Amino acid sequence: TWRRRSDAPSYTRACYNERVDYATYARAFLAHRAVAEVDAFTEIDEGVRRFPLLRARTPGHRRLLVTAGFHGDETAGPLTLLAYLPDLVRYARERDVGLDVYPCVNPSGFDARSRYNQVGENPNNDFLRYEVEPGAWIDVLPIGTRFIRHEVFREGPRETRALLAELERLPLPVAALDIHQDPWTPGNLAYAYTLGARAPY
């Protein structure tokens, strides 16, 4: 019954409060095969266990990339995508937008409710390095900082590397949404980093 829209918020709360494990999460997400192409695109070996990395894909003229769950203690994104994927797919199809959804990038961290994966790495949406001076590379480019060139960063945690390999096989998306959770700022708020002009956002 959790798949009904009216049940989704309570299901999400129950998953968090009951600390649903990733295996249960994966089974529930894979049940969305009726509304999208849903599967595991690879597995991550954490030493004592292998975790499937999930994706959901739909057709559409313009592509939107959605990622969530890089930090295992930020469960709101993965649980929201689980609860509302049918609604999101319907909304996107009405606008001819195709989705590439990666709902829980750090499954072992999700299991442990830890920012890190179970081998101590810190997965994040960390895919680029910028050369700001000859031979000087940085990972975060402050606003207004000029750079000489950028390169794809291929030495991150195993989950980030697996997602990078997957993304390089896909057509370039028109937009990307990376869902995180901020438990420190009070109130129901949203904020975004935008590339380029902010007015369209």
N, C-alpha and C. Protein backbone atom coordinates (compact mmCIF):
# COMPACT_ATOMS: atom_id res chain seq x y z
N THR A 1 0.81 -1.21 0.00
CA THR A 1 0.00 0.00 0.00
C THR A 1 0.85 1.26 0.00
N TRP A 2 2.15 1.17 0.29
CA TRP A 2 3.00 2.35 0.36
C TRP A 2 3.12 3.07 -0.97
N ARG A 3 2.78 2.37 -2.09
CA ARG A 3 2.96 2.97 -3.40
C ARG A 3 1.89 4.02 -3.69
N ARG A 4 0.81 4.03 -2.95
CA ARG A 4 -0.19 5.08 -3.14
C ARG A 4 0.38 6.40 -2.67
N ARG A 5 0.04 7.47 -3.41
CA ARG A 5 0.57 8.78 -3.08
C ARG A 5 0.30 9.15 -1.63
N SER A 6 -0.90 8.87 -1.14
CA SER A 6 -1.26 9.26 0.22
C SER A 6 -0.44 8.52 1.27
N ASP A 7 0.10 7.36 0.91
CA ASP A 7 0.87 6.58 1.87
C ASP A 7 2.36 6.89 1.83
N ALA A 8 2.80 7.59 0.80
CA ALA A 8 4.23 7.75 0.60
C ALA A 8 4.94 8.43 1.76
N PRO A 9 4.44 9.56 2.27
CA PRO A 9 5.19 10.19 3.36
C PRO A 9 5.30 9.30 4.60
N SER A 10 4.23 8.61 4.96
CA SER A 10 4.31 7.75 6.14
C SER A 10 5.24 6.57 5.87
N TYR A 11 5.26 6.06 4.64
CA TYR A 11 6.18 4.98 4.31
C TYR A 11 7.62 5.45 4.44
N THR A 12 7.88 6.66 3.94
CA THR A 12 9.23 7.22 4.04
C THR A 12 9.65 7.35 5.49
N ARG A 13 8.78 7.87 6.32
CA ARG A 13 9.10 8.00 7.75
C ARG A 13 9.35 6.64 8.37
N ALA A 14 8.52 5.66 7.99
CA ALA A 14 8.67 4.32 8.56
C ALA A 14 10.01 3.72 8.16
N CYS A 15 10.42 3.92 6.89
CA CYS A 15 11.71 3.39 6.45
C CYS A 15 12.84 3.98 7.27
N TYR A 16 12.77 5.28 7.54
CA TYR A 16 13.84 5.90 8.32
C TYR A 16 13.79 5.43 9.77
N ASN A 17 12.61 5.46 10.36
CA ASN A 17 12.49 5.11 11.78
C ASN A 17 12.82 3.64 12.03
N GLU A 18 12.43 2.79 11.10
CA GLU A 18 12.70 1.36 11.26
C GLU A 18 14.07 0.97 10.70
N ARG A 19 14.79 1.95 10.17
CA ARG A 19 16.12 1.71 9.61
C ARG A 19 16.10 0.58 8.59
N VAL A 20 15.22 0.72 7.60
CA VAL A 20 15.13 -0.27 6.54
C VAL A 20 16.52 -0.46 5.94
N ASP A 21 16.90 -1.68 5.68
CA ASP A 21 18.22 -1.94 5.12
C ASP A 21 18.18 -1.77 3.60
N TYR A 22 19.36 -1.76 3.01
CA TYR A 22 19.44 -1.50 1.57
C TYR A 22 18.82 -2.63 0.75
N ALA A 23 18.94 -3.85 1.22
CA ALA A 23 18.33 -4.97 0.48
C ALA A 23 16.82 -4.77 0.36
N THR A 24 16.18 -4.34 1.45
CA THR A 24 14.75 -4.06 1.42
C THR A 24 14.47 -2.87 0.50
N TYR A 25 15.29 -1.83 0.60
CA TYR A 25 15.14 -0.66 -0.27
C TYR A 25 15.23 -1.08 -1.74
N ALA A 26 16.25 -1.88 -2.07
CA ALA A 26 16.45 -2.28 -3.46
C ALA A 26 15.26 -3.08 -3.99
N ARG A 27 14.74 -4.01 -3.20
CA ARG A 27 13.56 -4.78 -3.63
C ARG A 27 12.38 -3.86 -3.91
N ALA A 28 12.17 -2.88 -3.05
CA ALA A 28 11.05 -1.96 -3.23
C ALA A 28 11.26 -1.08 -4.45
N PHE A 29 12.49 -0.61 -4.68
CA PHE A 29 12.74 0.24 -5.84
C PHE A 29 12.60 -0.54 -7.13
N LEU A 30 13.09 -1.77 -7.15
CA LEU A 30 12.98 -2.60 -8.35
C LEU A 30 11.52 -2.92 -8.69
N ALA A 31 10.63 -2.79 -7.73
CA ALA A 31 9.20 -3.03 -7.98
C ALA A 31 8.59 -1.93 -8.85
N HIS A 32 9.33 -0.87 -9.11
CA HIS A 32 8.84 0.21 -9.98
C HIS A 32 9.01 -0.12 -11.46
N ARG A 33 9.27 -1.36 -11.78
CA ARG A 33 9.48 -1.74 -13.18
C ARG A 33 8.25 -1.49 -14.05
N ALA A 34 7.10 -1.31 -13.45
CA ALA A 34 5.89 -1.03 -14.23
C ALA A 34 5.90 0.39 -14.80
N VAL A 35 6.68 1.30 -14.22
CA VAL A 35 6.64 2.69 -14.67
C VAL A 35 7.95 3.14 -15.33
N ALA A 36 9.02 2.37 -15.18
CA ALA A 36 10.32 2.76 -15.74
C ALA A 36 11.16 1.51 -15.96
N GLU A 37 12.22 1.67 -16.75
CA GLU A 37 13.21 0.61 -16.89
C GLU A 37 14.09 0.67 -15.65
N VAL A 38 13.93 -0.28 -14.75
CA VAL A 38 14.61 -0.26 -13.46
C VAL A 38 15.48 -1.51 -13.36
N ASP A 39 16.76 -1.31 -12.99
CA ASP A 39 17.65 -2.45 -12.82
C ASP A 39 18.86 -2.03 -12.00
N ALA A 40 19.77 -2.97 -11.82
CA ALA A 40 21.06 -2.69 -11.21
C ALA A 40 22.08 -2.61 -12.33
N PHE A 41 22.83 -1.51 -12.41
CA PHE A 41 23.78 -1.35 -13.51
C PHE A 41 25.16 -1.89 -13.17
N THR A 42 25.44 -2.11 -11.88
CA THR A 42 26.69 -2.74 -11.45
C THR A 42 26.56 -3.11 -9.99
N GLU A 43 27.60 -3.73 -9.45
CA GLU A 43 27.66 -4.04 -8.02
C GLU A 43 28.94 -3.46 -7.44
N ILE A 44 28.86 -3.05 -6.18
CA ILE A 44 30.02 -2.52 -5.46
C ILE A 44 30.43 -3.55 -4.41
N ASP A 45 31.69 -3.92 -4.43
CA ASP A 45 32.21 -4.89 -3.46
C ASP A 45 32.77 -4.14 -2.26
N GLU A 46 32.13 -4.30 -1.11
CA GLU A 46 32.58 -3.65 0.12
C GLU A 46 33.36 -4.61 1.02
N GLY A 47 33.88 -5.68 0.44
CA GLY A 47 34.69 -6.63 1.21
C GLY A 47 33.87 -7.76 1.78
N VAL A 48 32.91 -7.47 2.64
CA VAL A 48 32.10 -8.53 3.25
C VAL A 48 30.79 -8.74 2.50
N ARG A 49 30.45 -7.80 1.61
CA ARG A 49 29.17 -7.91 0.91
C ARG A 49 29.23 -7.10 -0.37
N ARG A 50 28.45 -7.53 -1.35
CA ARG A 50 28.32 -6.79 -2.60
C ARG A 50 26.97 -6.08 -2.61
N PHE A 51 26.98 -4.83 -3.06
CA PHE A 51 25.76 -4.01 -3.10
C PHE A 51 25.44 -3.64 -4.54
N PRO A 52 24.23 -3.91 -5.01
CA PRO A 52 23.86 -3.46 -6.36
C PRO A 52 23.61 -1.96 -6.39
N LEU A 53 24.09 -1.30 -7.44
CA LEU A 53 23.77 0.11 -7.66
C LEU A 53 22.61 0.18 -8.64
N LEU A 54 21.56 0.87 -8.24
CA LEU A 54 20.30 0.89 -8.98
C LEU A 54 20.19 2.09 -9.91
N ARG A 55 19.35 1.92 -10.92
CA ARG A 55 19.01 3.04 -11.79
C ARG A 55 17.58 2.84 -12.30
N ALA A 56 16.97 3.95 -12.68
CA ALA A 56 15.67 3.94 -13.36
C ALA A 56 15.80 4.86 -14.56
N ARG A 57 15.31 4.39 -15.71
CA ARG A 57 15.44 5.18 -16.93
C ARG A 57 14.09 5.23 -17.65
N THR A 58 13.82 6.38 -18.25
CA THR A 58 12.61 6.54 -19.06
C THR A 58 12.99 7.27 -20.34
N PRO A 59 12.21 7.07 -21.41
CA PRO A 59 12.50 7.79 -22.66
C PRO A 59 12.05 9.24 -22.58
N GLY A 60 12.62 10.05 -23.45
CA GLY A 60 12.21 11.44 -23.54
C GLY A 60 13.19 12.21 -24.40
N HIS A 61 12.72 13.31 -24.98
CA HIS A 61 13.53 14.10 -25.90
C HIS A 61 14.69 14.78 -25.18
N ARG A 62 14.43 15.37 -24.02
CA ARG A 62 15.47 16.02 -23.21
C ARG A 62 15.73 15.14 -22.00
N ARG A 63 16.99 15.03 -21.59
CA ARG A 63 17.35 14.12 -20.51
C ARG A 63 17.65 14.89 -19.23
N LEU A 64 17.13 14.36 -18.12
CA LEU A 64 17.41 14.89 -16.78
C LEU A 64 18.10 13.79 -15.98
N LEU A 65 19.26 14.10 -15.44
CA LEU A 65 20.01 13.20 -14.57
C LEU A 65 19.65 13.52 -13.13
N VAL A 66 19.26 12.49 -12.37
CA VAL A 66 18.93 12.66 -10.95
C VAL A 66 19.76 11.67 -10.15
N THR A 67 20.51 12.19 -9.17
CA THR A 67 21.28 11.34 -8.26
C THR A 67 20.89 11.67 -6.83
N ALA A 68 21.01 10.68 -5.96
CA ALA A 68 20.72 10.87 -4.54
C ALA A 68 21.49 9.82 -3.75
N GLY A 69 21.62 10.07 -2.45
CA GLY A 69 22.19 9.06 -1.57
C GLY A 69 23.69 8.91 -1.66
N PHE A 70 24.41 9.95 -2.10
CA PHE A 70 25.87 9.88 -2.02
C PHE A 70 26.30 9.73 -0.57
N HIS A 71 25.61 10.42 0.33
CA HIS A 71 25.91 10.35 1.77
C HIS A 71 24.85 9.47 2.42
N GLY A 72 25.29 8.37 3.02
CA GLY A 72 24.36 7.37 3.53
C GLY A 72 23.47 7.84 4.66
N ASP A 73 23.89 8.89 5.38
CA ASP A 73 23.05 9.40 6.46
C ASP A 73 22.03 10.41 5.96
N GLU A 74 22.06 10.73 4.67
CA GLU A 74 21.08 11.64 4.07
C GLU A 74 20.05 10.80 3.31
N THR A 75 19.11 10.24 4.05
CA THR A 75 18.18 9.25 3.50
C THR A 75 16.97 9.87 2.80
N ALA A 76 16.74 11.17 2.97
CA ALA A 76 15.54 11.79 2.42
C ALA A 76 15.47 11.63 0.90
N GLY A 77 16.57 11.83 0.20
CA GLY A 77 16.57 11.70 -1.26
C GLY A 77 16.22 10.31 -1.73
N PRO A 78 16.96 9.29 -1.29
CA PRO A 78 16.61 7.93 -1.71
C PRO A 78 15.18 7.53 -1.36
N LEU A 79 14.73 7.89 -0.16
CA LEU A 79 13.39 7.49 0.26
C LEU A 79 12.31 8.25 -0.52
N THR A 80 12.57 9.51 -0.85
CA THR A 80 11.61 10.27 -1.65
C THR A 80 11.52 9.71 -3.06
N LEU A 81 12.67 9.38 -3.66
CA LEU A 81 12.64 8.79 -5.00
C LEU A 81 11.93 7.44 -4.99
N LEU A 82 12.11 6.68 -3.94
CA LEU A 82 11.40 5.41 -3.82
C LEU A 82 9.89 5.63 -3.74
N ALA A 83 9.47 6.55 -2.90
CA ALA A 83 8.05 6.74 -2.65
C ALA A 83 7.33 7.42 -3.81
N TYR A 84 8.02 8.32 -4.52
CA TYR A 84 7.34 9.15 -5.51
C TYR A 84 7.77 8.91 -6.95
N LEU A 85 8.55 7.87 -7.22
CA LEU A 85 9.02 7.66 -8.59
C LEU A 85 7.88 7.61 -9.60
N PRO A 86 6.76 6.92 -9.36
CA PRO A 86 5.68 6.93 -10.36
C PRO A 86 5.18 8.34 -10.68
N ASP A 87 5.05 9.19 -9.68
CA ASP A 87 4.61 10.56 -9.91
C ASP A 87 5.64 11.35 -10.71
N LEU A 88 6.92 11.16 -10.39
CA LEU A 88 7.98 11.87 -11.10
C LEU A 88 8.05 11.43 -12.56
N VAL A 89 7.91 10.14 -12.80
CA VAL A 89 7.93 9.62 -14.17
C VAL A 89 6.76 10.18 -14.97
N ARG A 90 5.58 10.19 -14.38
CA ARG A 90 4.40 10.72 -15.08
C ARG A 90 4.61 12.20 -15.41
N TYR A 91 5.09 12.98 -14.46
CA TYR A 91 5.33 14.41 -14.66
C TYR A 91 6.34 14.63 -15.79
N ALA A 92 7.42 13.85 -15.79
CA ALA A 92 8.45 13.99 -16.81
C ALA A 92 7.92 13.59 -18.19
N ARG A 93 7.17 12.51 -18.26
CA ARG A 93 6.64 12.06 -19.56
C ARG A 93 5.72 13.09 -20.18
N GLU A 94 4.92 13.75 -19.36
CA GLU A 94 4.03 14.79 -19.87
C GLU A 94 4.79 15.93 -20.51
N ARG A 95 6.06 16.07 -20.18
CA ARG A 95 6.89 17.16 -20.70
C ARG A 95 7.98 16.65 -21.65
N ASP A 96 7.87 15.38 -22.05
CA ASP A 96 8.83 14.74 -22.95
C ASP A 96 10.26 14.81 -22.41
N VAL A 97 10.38 14.65 -21.09
CA VAL A 97 11.69 14.63 -20.43
C VAL A 97 12.01 13.18 -20.06
N GLY A 98 13.15 12.71 -20.51
CA GLY A 98 13.61 11.39 -20.13
C GLY A 98 14.43 11.46 -18.86
N LEU A 99 14.29 10.47 -18.02
CA LEU A 99 14.97 10.45 -16.72
C LEU A 99 16.07 9.39 -16.69
N ASP A 100 17.18 9.75 -16.07
CA ASP A 100 18.23 8.80 -15.66
C ASP A 100 18.39 9.01 -14.16
N VAL A 101 17.80 8.10 -13.38
CA VAL A 101 17.73 8.26 -11.93
C VAL A 101 18.63 7.23 -11.26
N TYR A 102 19.51 7.71 -10.39
CA TYR A 102 20.39 6.87 -9.57
C TYR A 102 20.03 7.16 -8.12
N PRO A 103 19.14 6.36 -7.53
CA PRO A 103 18.45 6.78 -6.30
C PRO A 103 19.25 6.65 -5.01
N CYS A 104 20.28 5.78 -5.01
CA CYS A 104 21.03 5.58 -3.76
C CYS A 104 22.45 5.17 -4.13
N VAL A 105 23.32 6.16 -4.29
CA VAL A 105 24.66 5.91 -4.80
C VAL A 105 25.57 5.25 -3.77
N ASN A 106 25.26 5.40 -2.50
CA ASN A 106 26.11 4.84 -1.44
C ASN A 106 25.30 3.83 -0.61
N PRO A 107 25.05 2.64 -1.15
CA PRO A 107 24.18 1.69 -0.45
C PRO A 107 24.74 1.19 0.87
N SER A 108 26.05 1.01 0.98
CA SER A 108 26.57 0.52 2.26
C SER A 108 26.49 1.62 3.32
N GLY A 109 26.65 2.88 2.92
CA GLY A 109 26.45 3.98 3.85
C GLY A 109 24.99 4.10 4.27
N PHE A 110 24.07 3.86 3.32
CA PHE A 110 22.64 3.86 3.62
C PHE A 110 22.34 2.80 4.69
N ASP A 111 22.92 1.62 4.53
CA ASP A 111 22.73 0.56 5.52
C ASP A 111 23.19 0.99 6.90
N ALA A 112 24.33 1.65 6.96
CA ALA A 112 24.93 2.04 8.25
C ALA A 112 24.45 3.40 8.73
N ARG A 113 23.67 4.12 7.91
CA ARG A 113 23.26 5.51 8.20
C ARG A 113 24.51 6.35 8.48
N SER A 114 25.50 6.16 7.59
CA SER A 114 26.78 6.85 7.72
C SER A 114 27.06 7.64 6.45
N ARG A 115 27.67 8.80 6.59
CA ARG A 115 28.07 9.58 5.43
C ARG A 115 29.00 8.77 4.53
N TYR A 116 29.83 7.94 5.14
CA TYR A 116 30.86 7.20 4.43
C TYR A 116 30.37 5.82 4.03
N ASN A 117 31.06 5.21 3.06
CA ASN A 117 30.75 3.81 2.76
C ASN A 117 31.42 2.92 3.81
N GLN A 118 31.20 1.62 3.72
CA GLN A 118 31.65 0.74 4.80
C GLN A 118 33.14 0.41 4.74
N VAL A 119 33.85 0.97 3.76
CA VAL A 119 35.31 0.85 3.78
C VAL A 119 35.96 2.20 4.09
N GLY A 120 35.14 3.17 4.55
CA GLY A 120 35.67 4.44 5.03
C GLY A 120 35.86 5.52 3.99
N GLU A 121 35.44 5.28 2.75
CA GLU A 121 35.55 6.31 1.72
C GLU A 121 34.36 7.26 1.82
N ASN A 122 34.51 8.46 1.23
CA ASN A 122 33.48 9.49 1.30
C ASN A 122 32.93 9.75 -0.10
N PRO A 123 31.95 8.95 -0.56
CA PRO A 123 31.39 9.19 -1.90
C PRO A 123 30.72 10.56 -1.97
N ASN A 124 30.86 11.19 -3.12
CA ASN A 124 30.19 12.47 -3.35
C ASN A 124 30.10 12.67 -4.85
N ASN A 125 29.41 13.74 -5.25
CA ASN A 125 29.34 14.04 -6.69
C ASN A 125 30.58 14.83 -7.08
N ASP A 126 31.70 14.16 -7.00
CA ASP A 126 33.02 14.75 -7.15
C ASP A 126 33.65 14.19 -8.42
N PHE A 127 33.44 14.89 -9.54
CA PHE A 127 33.85 14.34 -10.82
C PHE A 127 34.87 15.18 -11.57
N LEU A 128 35.20 16.38 -11.07
CA LEU A 128 36.09 17.27 -11.83
C LEU A 128 37.22 17.82 -10.96
N ARG A 129 38.33 18.13 -11.61
CA ARG A 129 39.42 18.87 -11.02
C ARG A 129 39.76 20.03 -11.94
N TYR A 130 40.10 21.19 -11.33
CA TYR A 130 40.35 22.40 -12.08
C TYR A 130 41.80 22.84 -11.90
N GLU A 131 42.47 23.14 -13.00
CA GLU A 131 43.83 23.67 -12.94
C GLU A 131 43.74 25.19 -12.90
N VAL A 132 44.06 25.78 -11.75
CA VAL A 132 43.92 27.23 -11.57
C VAL A 132 45.22 27.98 -11.87
N GLU A 133 46.31 27.28 -11.73
CA GLU A 133 47.63 27.77 -12.14
C GLU A 133 48.36 26.57 -12.71
N PRO A 134 49.40 26.79 -13.51
CA PRO A 134 50.11 25.63 -14.06
C PRO A 134 50.54 24.65 -12.96
N GLY A 135 49.99 23.45 -13.01
CA GLY A 135 50.32 22.40 -12.04
C GLY A 135 49.55 22.46 -10.74
N ALA A 136 48.70 23.46 -10.52
CA ALA A 136 47.93 23.59 -9.28
C ALA A 136 46.46 23.25 -9.55
N TRP A 137 46.03 22.14 -8.98
CA TRP A 137 44.68 21.62 -9.22
C TRP A 137 43.85 21.71 -7.94
N ILE A 138 42.57 22.07 -8.08
CA ILE A 138 41.65 22.12 -6.94
C ILE A 138 40.37 21.37 -7.30
N ASP A 139 39.63 20.96 -6.24
CA ASP A 139 38.40 20.21 -6.48
C ASP A 139 37.15 21.07 -6.40
N VAL A 140 37.19 22.18 -5.66
CA VAL A 140 36.05 23.08 -5.54
C VAL A 140 36.47 24.42 -6.12
N LEU A 141 35.70 24.92 -7.07
CA LEU A 141 36.05 26.16 -7.76
C LEU A 141 35.22 27.29 -7.16
N PRO A 142 35.84 28.16 -6.34
CA PRO A 142 35.10 29.28 -5.77
C PRO A 142 34.53 30.20 -6.86
N ILE A 143 33.42 30.85 -6.56
CA ILE A 143 32.79 31.74 -7.52
C ILE A 143 33.78 32.79 -7.99
N GLY A 144 33.84 32.98 -9.29
CA GLY A 144 34.73 33.99 -9.87
C GLY A 144 36.14 33.53 -10.12
N THR A 145 36.49 32.32 -9.68
CA THR A 145 37.86 31.82 -9.87
C THR A 145 38.05 31.39 -11.33
N ARG A 146 39.08 31.90 -11.94
CA ARG A 146 39.40 31.50 -13.31
C ARG A 146 40.24 30.21 -13.27
N PHE A 147 40.10 29.42 -14.30
CA PHE A 147 40.90 28.20 -14.38
C PHE A 147 41.39 28.00 -15.80
N ILE A 148 42.49 27.27 -15.91
CA ILE A 148 43.12 27.04 -17.21
C ILE A 148 42.37 25.94 -17.96
N ARG A 149 42.09 24.87 -17.24
CA ARG A 149 41.39 23.73 -17.84
C ARG A 149 40.82 22.88 -16.74
N HIS A 150 39.99 21.92 -17.12
CA HIS A 150 39.47 20.97 -16.15
C HIS A 150 39.63 19.56 -16.71
N GLU A 151 39.66 18.60 -15.80
CA GLU A 151 39.75 17.19 -16.18
C GLU A 151 38.79 16.38 -15.34
N VAL A 152 38.37 15.26 -15.88
CA VAL A 152 37.53 14.33 -15.13
C VAL A 152 38.40 13.67 -14.06
N PHE A 153 37.88 13.63 -12.84
CA PHE A 153 38.59 13.01 -11.71
C PHE A 153 38.18 11.54 -11.63
N ARG A 154 39.14 10.65 -11.76
CA ARG A 154 38.85 9.21 -11.84
C ARG A 154 39.35 8.42 -10.64
N GLU A 155 39.73 9.09 -9.56
CA GLU A 155 40.34 8.40 -8.44
C GLU A 155 39.49 8.46 -7.17
N GLY A 156 38.21 8.74 -7.30
CA GLY A 156 37.35 8.85 -6.13
C GLY A 156 36.96 7.50 -5.56
N PRO A 157 36.05 7.50 -4.60
CA PRO A 157 35.55 6.26 -4.01
C PRO A 157 34.92 5.35 -5.05
N ARG A 158 34.81 4.09 -4.73
CA ARG A 158 34.34 3.09 -5.69
C ARG A 158 32.96 3.40 -6.25
N GLU A 159 32.06 3.93 -5.42
CA GLU A 159 30.72 4.25 -5.91
C GLU A 159 30.77 5.38 -6.93
N THR A 160 31.59 6.41 -6.65
CA THR A 160 31.72 7.54 -7.56
C THR A 160 32.33 7.08 -8.88
N ARG A 161 33.34 6.23 -8.82
CA ARG A 161 33.96 5.72 -10.05
C ARG A 161 32.97 4.90 -10.86
N ALA A 162 32.15 4.08 -10.19
CA ALA A 162 31.16 3.26 -10.91
C ALA A 162 30.12 4.14 -11.58
N LEU A 163 29.66 5.17 -10.87
CA LEU A 163 28.68 6.08 -11.45
C LEU A 163 29.29 6.86 -12.61
N LEU A 164 30.53 7.31 -12.47
CA LEU A 164 31.20 8.02 -13.55
C LEU A 164 31.27 7.17 -14.81
N ALA A 165 31.65 5.91 -14.68
CA ALA A 165 31.72 5.02 -15.84
C ALA A 165 30.35 4.87 -16.49
N GLU A 166 29.32 4.80 -15.67
CA GLU A 166 27.95 4.71 -16.19
C GLU A 166 27.57 6.00 -16.92
N LEU A 167 27.84 7.15 -16.33
CA LEU A 167 27.44 8.42 -16.92
C LEU A 167 28.16 8.69 -18.24
N GLU A 168 29.38 8.22 -18.35
CA GLU A 168 30.13 8.45 -19.59
C GLU A 168 29.55 7.67 -20.77
N ARG A 169 28.72 6.68 -20.49
CA ARG A 169 28.06 5.92 -21.55
C ARG A 169 26.75 6.57 -21.99
N LEU A 170 26.24 7.53 -21.23
CA LEU A 170 24.94 8.13 -21.49
C LEU A 170 25.07 9.39 -22.34
N PRO A 171 23.98 9.74 -23.05
CA PRO A 171 23.97 11.05 -23.71
C PRO A 171 24.07 12.16 -22.67
N LEU A 172 24.64 13.29 -23.05
CA LEU A 172 24.78 14.43 -22.15
C LEU A 172 23.40 14.92 -21.74
N PRO A 173 23.13 15.04 -20.44
CA PRO A 173 21.81 15.53 -20.02
C PRO A 173 21.67 17.03 -20.22
N VAL A 174 20.44 17.48 -20.32
CA VAL A 174 20.16 18.92 -20.38
C VAL A 174 20.30 19.53 -18.99
N ALA A 175 19.96 18.75 -17.96
CA ALA A 175 20.03 19.23 -16.59
C ALA A 175 20.37 18.07 -15.66
N ALA A 176 20.90 18.41 -14.49
CA ALA A 176 21.24 17.41 -13.49
C ALA A 176 20.76 17.88 -12.13
N LEU A 177 20.20 16.97 -11.37
CA LEU A 177 19.72 17.25 -10.03
C LEU A 177 20.37 16.25 -9.09
N ASP A 178 21.12 16.74 -8.12
CA ASP A 178 21.78 15.89 -7.13
C ASP A 178 21.15 16.19 -5.78
N ILE A 179 20.39 15.26 -5.26
CA ILE A 179 19.60 15.49 -4.05
C ILE A 179 20.43 15.15 -2.81
N HIS A 180 20.59 16.15 -1.96
CA HIS A 180 21.23 15.96 -0.66
C HIS A 180 20.25 16.33 0.43
N GLN A 181 20.66 16.23 1.66
CA GLN A 181 19.81 16.53 2.80
C GLN A 181 20.61 17.36 3.78
N ASP A 182 20.02 18.44 4.27
CA ASP A 182 20.69 19.32 5.22
C ASP A 182 19.95 19.24 6.55
N PRO A 183 20.46 18.46 7.50
CA PRO A 183 19.77 18.33 8.78
C PRO A 183 20.11 19.44 9.78
N TRP A 184 20.96 20.39 9.38
CA TRP A 184 21.43 21.40 10.32
C TRP A 184 20.67 22.72 10.23
N THR A 185 20.17 23.06 9.02
CA THR A 185 19.47 24.32 8.84
C THR A 185 18.00 24.15 9.21
N PRO A 186 17.48 24.94 10.16
CA PRO A 186 16.08 24.76 10.57
C PRO A 186 15.11 25.21 9.49
N GLY A 187 13.94 24.58 9.47
CA GLY A 187 12.89 24.95 8.52
C GLY A 187 12.90 24.08 7.29
N ASN A 188 11.82 24.17 6.51
CA ASN A 188 11.70 23.44 5.26
C ASN A 188 12.21 24.33 4.14
N LEU A 189 13.44 24.13 3.75
CA LEU A 189 14.11 25.00 2.80
C LEU A 189 14.71 24.19 1.66
N ALA A 190 14.98 24.85 0.56
CA ALA A 190 15.73 24.25 -0.53
C ALA A 190 16.73 25.28 -1.02
N TYR A 191 17.90 24.83 -1.42
CA TYR A 191 18.87 25.73 -2.02
C TYR A 191 19.55 24.99 -3.15
N ALA A 192 20.13 25.73 -4.05
CA ALA A 192 20.70 25.11 -5.24
C ALA A 192 21.96 25.84 -5.67
N TYR A 193 22.90 25.09 -6.20
CA TYR A 193 24.04 25.65 -6.91
C TYR A 193 23.66 25.63 -8.38
N THR A 194 23.72 26.77 -9.04
CA THR A 194 23.36 26.83 -10.45
C THR A 194 24.59 27.15 -11.28
N LEU A 195 24.65 26.57 -12.45
CA LEU A 195 25.75 26.82 -13.38
C LEU A 195 25.23 27.80 -14.42
N GLY A 196 25.86 28.97 -14.51
CA GLY A 196 25.40 29.97 -15.45
C GLY A 196 24.36 30.88 -14.83
N ALA A 197 23.50 31.44 -15.67
CA ALA A 197 22.51 32.42 -15.22
C ALA A 197 21.54 31.80 -14.23
N ARG A 198 21.22 32.52 -13.17
CA ARG A 198 20.31 32.02 -12.15
C ARG A 198 18.85 32.33 -12.46
N ALA A 199 18.60 33.33 -13.31
CA ALA A 199 17.21 33.74 -13.58
C ALA A 199 16.35 32.58 -14.10
N PRO A 200 16.83 31.76 -15.05
CA PRO A 200 15.97 30.65 -15.52
C PRO A 200 15.61 29.67 -14.40
N TYR A 201 16.56 29.45 -13.45
CA TYR A 201 16.26 28.55 -12.34
C TYR A 201 15.17 29.15 -11.47
